[in-house]
Protein backbone atom coordinates (compact mmCIF):
# COMPACT_ATOMS: atom_id res chain seq x y z
CA MET A 1 -268.06 88.21 127.14
CA PRO A 2 -267.62 89.17 123.45
CA PRO A 3 -268.56 92.72 122.42
CA SER A 4 -272.12 93.36 121.33
CA ASP A 5 -272.75 92.93 117.62
CA SER A 6 -275.48 95.57 117.63
CA PRO A 7 -274.79 98.81 115.74
CA SER A 8 -274.26 100.57 119.10
CA GLY A 9 -271.96 97.87 120.44
CA ARG A 10 -268.62 98.50 118.70
CA ARG A 11 -268.07 101.80 116.98
CA ILE A 12 -265.46 103.84 115.16
CA VAL A 13 -266.49 107.50 114.98
CA LEU A 14 -264.99 109.62 112.20
CA LEU A 15 -264.95 113.35 112.95
CA ARG A 16 -264.11 115.79 110.19
CA HIS A 17 -262.48 118.98 111.39
CA GLY A 18 -264.50 122.19 111.40
CA GLU A 19 -264.55 124.79 108.65
CA THR A 20 -261.37 126.49 107.44
CA GLU A 21 -261.01 129.35 104.97
CA TRP A 22 -259.72 126.92 102.34
CA ALA A 23 -262.52 124.42 102.96
CA ARG A 24 -265.08 127.19 102.58
CA ALA A 25 -263.47 128.23 99.28
CA GLY A 26 -263.29 124.63 98.00
CA LYS A 27 -259.48 124.59 97.94
CA HIS A 28 -257.76 121.23 98.29
CA THR A 29 -256.03 121.33 101.66
CA GLY A 30 -253.59 118.52 102.29
CA ARG A 31 -250.20 119.45 103.77
CA THR A 32 -251.06 123.10 104.34
CA ASP A 33 -251.50 123.68 108.07
CA ILE A 34 -254.26 126.23 108.67
CA SER A 35 -256.57 127.00 111.55
CA LEU A 36 -260.32 126.87 111.87
CA THR A 37 -262.52 129.84 111.07
CA ASP A 38 -264.83 131.24 113.74
CA VAL A 39 -267.56 129.06 112.22
CA GLY A 40 -265.25 126.05 112.38
CA GLU A 41 -264.47 126.70 116.04
CA GLU A 42 -268.17 126.82 116.86
CA GLN A 43 -268.76 123.60 114.92
CA ALA A 44 -265.99 121.95 116.95
CA ARG A 45 -267.42 123.12 120.28
CA LYS A 46 -270.82 121.69 119.36
CA LEU A 47 -269.25 118.34 118.52
CA GLY A 48 -268.46 117.80 122.20
CA PRO A 49 -272.06 117.36 123.41
CA ALA A 50 -272.95 115.45 120.23
CA VAL A 51 -270.16 112.92 120.86
CA ASP A 52 -271.03 112.68 124.55
CA ALA A 53 -274.60 111.79 123.58
CA LEU A 54 -273.35 108.75 121.65
CA GLY A 55 -272.46 106.98 124.89
CA LEU A 56 -269.15 105.61 123.62
CA ARG A 57 -267.18 103.05 125.61
CA ASP A 58 -264.01 104.66 127.01
CA PRO A 59 -263.15 106.00 123.53
CA LEU A 60 -259.59 106.00 122.26
CA VAL A 61 -259.09 109.37 120.54
CA ILE A 62 -256.59 109.48 117.65
CA VAL A 63 -256.08 112.78 115.83
CA SER A 64 -254.34 113.97 112.67
CA PRO A 65 -251.34 116.20 113.43
CA ARG A 66 -252.74 119.04 111.31
CA ARG A 67 -253.72 122.13 113.30
CA ARG A 68 -257.32 122.11 112.08
CA ALA A 69 -257.85 118.58 113.39
CA GLN A 70 -256.04 119.24 116.68
CA GLU A 71 -258.11 122.38 117.29
CA THR A 72 -261.32 120.50 116.53
CA ALA A 73 -260.51 117.76 119.03
CA GLN A 74 -259.49 120.24 121.70
CA LEU A 75 -262.53 122.50 121.27
CA ALA A 76 -264.78 119.44 121.35
CA GLY A 77 -263.31 118.64 124.76
CA LEU A 78 -261.80 115.34 123.66
CA LYS A 79 -258.81 113.87 125.46
CA ILE A 80 -256.27 113.19 122.72
CA HIS A 81 -254.51 109.87 123.28
CA ARG A 82 -252.47 109.80 120.10
CA THR A 83 -251.51 112.11 117.24
CA TRP A 84 -250.87 110.02 114.13
CA ASP A 85 -249.50 110.99 110.72
CA ALA A 86 -251.52 108.17 109.14
CA LEU A 87 -254.67 110.28 109.65
CA THR A 88 -253.45 113.24 107.58
CA GLU A 89 -255.43 114.36 104.57
CA TRP A 90 -254.75 113.09 101.04
CA ASP A 91 -251.53 114.68 99.73
CA TYR A 92 -252.71 116.59 96.67
CA GLY A 93 -249.20 117.35 95.43
CA ALA A 94 -249.25 119.92 92.62
CA TYR A 95 -252.97 120.49 93.19
CA GLU A 96 -252.56 121.74 96.77
CA GLY A 97 -254.53 124.97 97.25
CA LEU A 98 -256.43 124.64 93.97
CA THR A 99 -260.16 124.15 93.53
CA THR A 100 -261.64 121.46 91.30
CA PRO A 101 -262.66 124.08 88.66
CA ASP A 102 -259.04 125.36 88.69
CA ILE A 103 -257.70 121.87 88.03
CA ARG A 104 -260.31 121.10 85.38
CA GLN A 105 -259.06 123.98 83.25
CA LYS A 106 -256.13 121.71 82.43
CA VAL A 107 -257.57 118.26 83.23
CA PRO A 108 -261.26 118.05 82.22
CA ASP A 109 -263.48 115.95 84.50
CA TRP A 110 -260.73 115.67 87.13
CA THR A 111 -261.61 114.39 90.61
CA VAL A 112 -259.31 113.14 93.32
CA TRP A 113 -261.17 109.82 93.18
CA THR A 114 -260.63 109.15 89.49
CA HIS A 115 -257.44 110.95 88.43
CA PRO A 116 -253.84 111.18 89.67
CA CYS A 117 -252.43 113.98 91.81
CA PRO A 118 -249.04 114.85 90.29
CA ARG A 119 -246.32 114.70 92.96
CA GLY A 120 -248.98 113.71 95.50
CA GLU A 121 -250.57 110.53 96.83
CA GLN A 122 -252.35 108.13 94.52
CA ALA A 123 -255.36 105.93 95.28
CA GLU A 124 -253.31 102.81 95.98
CA GLN A 125 -251.30 104.68 98.63
CA ILE A 126 -254.49 105.95 100.25
CA HIS A 127 -255.87 102.39 100.15
CA ALA A 128 -252.86 101.11 102.11
CA ARG A 129 -253.01 103.95 104.62
CA CYS A 130 -256.75 103.48 105.19
CA ASP A 131 -256.33 99.77 105.78
CA LEU A 132 -253.57 100.45 108.33
CA VAL A 133 -255.72 102.96 110.23
CA LEU A 134 -258.77 100.69 110.22
CA SER A 135 -256.72 97.69 111.33
CA VAL A 136 -255.41 99.59 114.34
CA ALA A 137 -258.87 100.98 115.19
CA HIS A 138 -260.51 97.56 114.78
CA SER A 139 -257.97 96.00 117.15
CA GLN A 140 -259.24 98.23 119.96
CA LEU A 141 -262.94 97.48 119.60
CA THR A 142 -263.10 94.52 121.95
CA ASP A 143 -262.53 96.83 124.91
CA ARG A 144 -263.36 100.34 123.77
CA ASP A 145 -264.68 102.50 120.95
CA VAL A 146 -262.46 104.69 118.78
CA ILE A 147 -262.70 108.30 117.63
CA LEU A 148 -260.64 109.33 114.58
CA VAL A 149 -260.40 113.11 114.10
CA GLY A 150 -259.27 113.94 110.60
CA HIS A 151 -260.15 115.26 107.19
CA GLY A 152 -262.73 115.12 104.43
CA HIS A 153 -261.32 113.05 101.59
CA PHE A 154 -259.33 110.68 103.78
CA SER A 155 -262.31 110.04 106.07
CA ARG A 156 -264.47 109.32 103.03
CA ALA A 157 -261.84 106.86 101.84
CA LEU A 158 -261.93 105.23 105.29
CA ILE A 159 -265.68 104.78 104.94
CA ALA A 160 -265.23 103.13 101.54
CA ARG A 161 -262.58 100.73 102.81
CA TRP A 162 -264.64 99.85 105.93
CA ALA A 163 -267.43 98.89 103.53
CA GLU A 164 -264.87 96.78 101.62
CA LEU A 165 -265.10 99.05 98.58
CA PRO A 166 -262.31 100.59 96.51
CA VAL A 167 -261.02 103.97 97.67
CA SER A 168 -262.61 105.52 94.56
CA GLU A 169 -266.05 104.80 96.04
CA GLY A 170 -265.38 107.41 98.70
CA ARG A 171 -266.94 109.77 96.13
CA ARG A 172 -270.34 108.32 97.15
CA PHE A 173 -270.08 109.65 100.73
CA ALA A 174 -270.26 113.39 101.37
CA LEU A 175 -268.77 114.56 104.66
CA SER A 176 -269.29 118.15 105.77
CA PRO A 177 -266.89 120.20 107.92
CA GLY A 178 -267.66 119.59 111.59
CA ALA A 179 -269.67 116.43 110.84
CA TYR A 180 -269.31 112.87 112.03
CA SER A 181 -270.00 109.38 110.71
CA ILE A 182 -270.11 106.10 112.62
CA LEU A 183 -268.66 102.78 111.44
CA GLY A 184 -269.97 99.63 113.09
CA PHE A 185 -271.36 96.17 112.52
CA GLU A 186 -274.56 94.29 111.81
CA HIS A 187 -274.58 90.48 112.14
CA GLY A 188 -270.81 90.46 111.74
CA ALA A 189 -270.77 92.62 108.61
CA GLN A 190 -268.99 95.95 108.69
CA GLN A 191 -271.46 98.73 107.96
CA LEU A 192 -271.86 102.49 107.86
CA VAL A 193 -274.18 103.01 110.82
CA THR A 194 -274.65 106.79 110.76
CA HIS A 195 -273.36 109.25 108.18
CA ASN A 196 -272.53 112.95 107.84
CA VAL A 197 -274.30 114.16 110.97
CA THR A 198 -273.70 117.85 111.64
CA THR A 199 -274.27 119.59 114.94
CA GLU A 200 -277.05 121.58 113.30
CA GLU A 201 -278.87 118.31 112.63
CA GLY A 202 -278.33 116.82 116.10
CA SER A 203 -278.02 113.09 116.53
CA ARG A 204 -280.81 111.91 114.26
């Protein structure tokens, strides 16, 4: 029997890691490997019951190798099946550790979505990486759902590519620390089913 085409039938759940000190300060955190704050740890613990309530089908859990993502998955009680470099955050290059206001002192109106990151990843590289991740996740959906535990900007880019939009349109989708979004289908079309749900909001 083919998988259900209802929004609850085949799902990819994107989990953003919980709060870190750099995330709280608005610093771009790509390669830097830092842990969750106490708030981030609590956000991660609350993700466990929230994910359980989704009723996923034998979910395959794939996690970024960064400590903040690994800690989030572990504290949420998820069984990690695979750690994958393809889920790492955007490489910000020379802008690692800087805030957007810092960067705009030299590059007015800069955003990661619209401007280059010197010595870092560019949008076309993120596009290719997103399509690889989504292809692998999509290949599993006949038999099981998929949970991808990762990062803010890269998860937003995944949402844009799932919706068949350019990576730059990830700017339209906020994603809070410790929040999740669900990718699914309606009448065969890929859609964003649920977006930016935090544990404070519950599963509405």
